[in-house]
Every structure is written in structure tokens, then in C-alpha cells.
N, C-alpha and C. Protein backbone atom coordinates (compact mmCIF):
# COMPACT_ATOMS: atom_id res chain seq x y z
N MET A 1 10.23 38.07 2.64
CA MET A 1 11.36 37.46 3.22
C MET A 1 11.08 36.71 4.49
N ASN A 2 9.90 37.45 5.27
CA ASN A 2 9.66 36.79 6.48
C ASN A 2 8.95 35.58 6.28
N SER A 3 8.29 35.35 5.10
CA SER A 3 7.71 33.88 4.92
C SER A 3 8.66 33.06 4.66
N LEU A 4 9.78 33.22 3.83
CA LEU A 4 10.89 32.17 3.64
C LEU A 4 11.27 31.63 5.09
N LEU A 5 11.41 32.45 6.14
CA LEU A 5 11.98 31.98 7.39
C LEU A 5 10.76 30.83 7.90
N PHE A 6 9.54 30.93 7.43
CA PHE A 6 8.76 29.90 8.00
C PHE A 6 8.64 28.63 6.92
N LEU A 7 8.69 29.07 5.60
CA LEU A 7 8.49 28.01 4.62
C LEU A 7 9.62 27.00 4.49
N ILE A 8 10.72 27.50 4.59
CA ILE A 8 12.03 26.79 4.40
C ILE A 8 11.95 25.75 5.46
N PRO A 9 12.10 26.09 6.67
CA PRO A 9 12.18 24.78 7.80
C PRO A 9 10.80 24.05 7.71
N LEU A 10 9.66 24.58 7.27
CA LEU A 10 8.45 23.68 7.08
C LEU A 10 8.52 22.55 6.03
N SER A 11 9.16 23.16 4.82
CA SER A 11 9.53 22.34 3.61
C SER A 11 10.54 21.23 4.07
N ILE A 12 11.56 21.44 4.71
CA ILE A 12 12.60 20.52 5.38
C ILE A 12 12.00 19.49 6.25
N LEU A 13 10.99 19.97 6.90
CA LEU A 13 10.23 19.03 7.91
C LEU A 13 9.29 18.08 7.12
N LEU A 14 8.83 18.49 5.94
CA LEU A 14 7.89 17.56 5.19
C LEU A 14 8.76 16.75 4.41
N VAL A 15 9.75 16.93 3.89
CA VAL A 15 10.77 16.10 3.34
C VAL A 15 11.21 15.19 4.21
N ILE A 16 11.66 15.47 5.50
CA ILE A 16 11.94 14.64 6.49
C ILE A 16 10.90 13.45 6.76
N GLY A 17 9.61 14.15 6.86
CA GLY A 17 8.54 13.16 7.32
C GLY A 17 8.24 12.12 6.02
N ALA A 18 8.41 12.64 4.75
CA ALA A 18 8.04 11.96 3.71
C ALA A 18 9.34 10.72 3.63
N GLY A 19 10.34 10.98 4.06
CA GLY A 19 11.67 9.88 4.04
C GLY A 19 11.15 9.06 5.09
N ILE A 20 10.90 9.50 6.14
CA ILE A 20 10.49 8.64 7.20
C ILE A 20 9.43 7.57 6.94
N ALA A 21 8.38 8.25 6.42
CA ALA A 21 7.07 7.40 5.87
C ALA A 21 7.50 6.27 4.71
N LEU A 22 8.49 6.70 3.82
CA LEU A 22 8.94 5.66 2.79
C LEU A 22 9.77 4.63 3.52
N PHE A 23 10.78 4.95 4.41
CA PHE A 23 11.46 3.98 4.93
C PHE A 23 10.74 2.94 5.82
N TRP A 24 9.72 3.43 6.49
CA TRP A 24 8.73 2.66 7.39
C TRP A 24 8.16 1.96 6.49
N ALA A 25 7.50 2.13 5.24
CA ALA A 25 6.90 1.52 4.36
C ALA A 25 7.75 0.31 3.71
N ILE A 26 8.85 0.58 3.60
CA ILE A 26 9.86 -0.30 2.95
C ILE A 26 10.18 -1.30 4.16
N ASP A 27 10.47 -1.03 5.31
CA ASP A 27 10.71 -1.79 6.39
C ASP A 27 9.79 -2.73 6.62
N HIS A 28 8.46 -2.34 6.54
CA HIS A 28 7.39 -3.03 6.92
C HIS A 28 6.57 -4.01 5.68
N ASP A 29 7.48 -4.12 4.60
CA ASP A 29 7.28 -4.89 3.31
C ASP A 29 5.87 -4.57 2.55
N GLN A 30 5.50 -3.21 2.47
CA GLN A 30 4.49 -2.52 1.87
C GLN A 30 4.70 -2.75 0.43
N PHE A 31 5.78 -3.03 0.14
CA PHE A 31 6.10 -2.75 -1.44
C PHE A 31 6.35 -4.40 -1.98
N ASP A 32 6.11 -5.31 -1.17
CA ASP A 32 6.58 -6.68 -1.72
C ASP A 32 5.82 -7.31 -2.78
N ASP A 33 4.33 -6.90 -2.75
CA ASP A 33 3.64 -7.59 -3.65
C ASP A 33 2.55 -6.61 -4.02
N VAL A 34 2.97 -5.81 -5.11
CA VAL A 34 2.21 -4.60 -5.34
C VAL A 34 0.99 -5.03 -6.45
N ASP A 35 1.01 -6.12 -7.17
CA ASP A 35 0.16 -6.52 -8.29
C ASP A 35 -1.08 -7.25 -7.65
N SER A 36 -1.03 -8.23 -6.81
CA SER A 36 -2.15 -8.96 -6.44
C SER A 36 -3.18 -8.18 -5.96
N ALA A 37 -2.96 -7.27 -4.97
CA ALA A 37 -4.02 -6.54 -4.29
C ALA A 37 -4.72 -5.77 -5.35
N GLY A 38 -4.19 -5.34 -6.33
CA GLY A 38 -4.82 -4.54 -7.51
C GLY A 38 -6.00 -5.61 -8.16
N LEU A 39 -5.45 -6.62 -8.33
CA LEU A 39 -6.08 -7.66 -9.21
C LEU A 39 -7.38 -8.25 -8.58
N LEU A 40 -7.46 -8.24 -7.20
CA LEU A 40 -8.43 -8.96 -6.39
C LEU A 40 -9.66 -8.63 -6.65
N PRO A 41 -9.93 -7.27 -6.90
CA PRO A 41 -11.35 -6.53 -7.09
C PRO A 41 -11.80 -7.04 -8.61
N VAL A 42 -10.85 -7.30 -9.47
CA VAL A 42 -11.21 -7.53 -10.84
C VAL A 42 -11.80 -9.11 -10.84
N LEU A 43 -11.31 -9.81 -10.22
CA LEU A 43 -11.41 -11.18 -10.13
C LEU A 43 -13.00 -11.57 -9.60
N ASP A 44 -13.53 -12.54 -10.24
CA ASP A 44 -15.09 -12.91 -9.74
C ASP A 44 -14.73 -13.82 -8.69
N SER A 45 -14.46 -13.49 -7.49
CA SER A 45 -13.97 -14.41 -6.59
C SER A 45 -15.41 -15.39 -5.92
N ASP A 46 -16.61 -14.64 -6.05
CA ASP A 46 -17.77 -15.34 -5.69
C ASP A 46 -18.07 -16.58 -6.60
N HIS A 47 -17.74 -16.67 -7.76
CA HIS A 47 -18.12 -17.79 -8.68
C HIS A 47 -17.04 -18.84 -8.64
N ASN A 48 -15.75 -18.27 -8.57
CA ASN A 48 -14.43 -19.23 -8.57
C ASN A 48 -13.34 -18.83 -7.85
N PRO A 49 -13.45 -19.34 -6.40
CA PRO A 49 -12.38 -18.93 -5.68
C PRO A 49 -11.05 -19.29 -5.85
N ALA A 50 -10.88 -20.22 -6.79
CA ALA A 50 -9.40 -20.75 -7.00
C ALA A 50 -8.88 -19.47 -7.89
N ASP A 51 -9.46 -18.51 -8.68
CA ASP A 51 -8.89 -17.68 -9.40
C ASP A 51 -8.22 -16.50 -8.19
N ALA A 52 -8.79 -16.38 -7.23
CA ALA A 52 -8.44 -15.36 -6.22
C ALA A 52 -7.02 -16.00 -5.47
N ALA A 53 -7.45 -17.17 -5.35
CA ALA A 53 -6.04 -17.97 -4.55
C ALA A 53 -5.07 -17.90 -5.43
N ALA A 54 -5.22 -18.08 -6.87
CA ALA A 54 -4.14 -18.25 -7.71
C ALA A 54 -3.24 -16.67 -7.72
N VAL A 55 -4.02 -15.61 -7.60
CA VAL A 55 -3.21 -14.53 -7.61
C VAL A 55 -2.67 -14.19 -6.20
N ASP A 56 -3.53 -14.49 -5.10
CA ASP A 56 -2.94 -14.21 -3.68
C ASP A 56 -2.91 -15.30 -3.02
N PRO A 57 -1.82 -16.21 -2.77
CA PRO A 57 -1.92 -17.30 -1.74
C PRO A 57 -2.45 -17.40 -0.54
N GLU A 58 -2.55 -16.17 0.09
CA GLU A 58 -3.05 -15.94 1.34
C GLU A 58 -4.45 -15.83 1.27
N TYR A 59 -5.09 -15.79 0.11
CA TYR A 59 -6.54 -15.33 0.04
C TYR A 59 -7.43 -16.59 0.60
N LYS A 60 -8.35 -16.05 1.56
CA LYS A 60 -9.21 -17.04 2.19
C LYS A 60 -10.80 -16.79 1.52
N ALA A 61 -11.21 -17.90 1.10
CA ALA A 61 -12.68 -17.81 0.34
C ALA A 61 -13.45 -17.70 1.67
N PRO A 62 -14.54 -16.90 1.38
CA PRO A 62 -15.55 -16.56 2.38
C PRO A 62 -16.36 -17.92 2.60
N PRO A 63 -16.68 -18.24 3.69
CA PRO A 63 -17.36 -19.33 4.13
C PRO A 63 -18.82 -19.52 3.32
N THR A 64 -19.18 -20.51 2.87
CA THR A 64 -20.49 -20.92 2.25
C THR A 64 -21.67 -20.94 3.42
N PRO A 65 -22.74 -20.34 3.17
CA PRO A 65 -23.62 -20.34 4.02
C PRO A 65 -24.53 -21.90 4.19
């Protein structure tokens, strides 16, 4: 019974923290483009930078030496 007096408020704080983190992520546009970031490692951007630019318009190809 004593453990419930500790665990119930702790679980409420965790739920509140998760809600704050969710709304922060939504407010800071973290879920706007969830597909292109996952595709960038798959693309062979060293040989064809146009592929990476097609998936992510903000992609900047590395400078050539």
C-alpha cells in the first residue's frame, strides 16, 4: 500500500512529461517530414547527389575536393 502512494504520483508525472514532450515536438515541426530523413541513408548520394536532393529539397551535397 505504501508503494502505491509513491508510484501513482510518479506515473502521473511521467504521463505529464510525455504529453509535454509530444506537444513540444508537434510545436517545433518534428513530424512534418517523417519520410525523407529515413530515405537519405539508403540513397547513394556520393555518386548521384540529385537523388538526395529529390527526396530532401534542403539537402546540400558535400563539396568536391
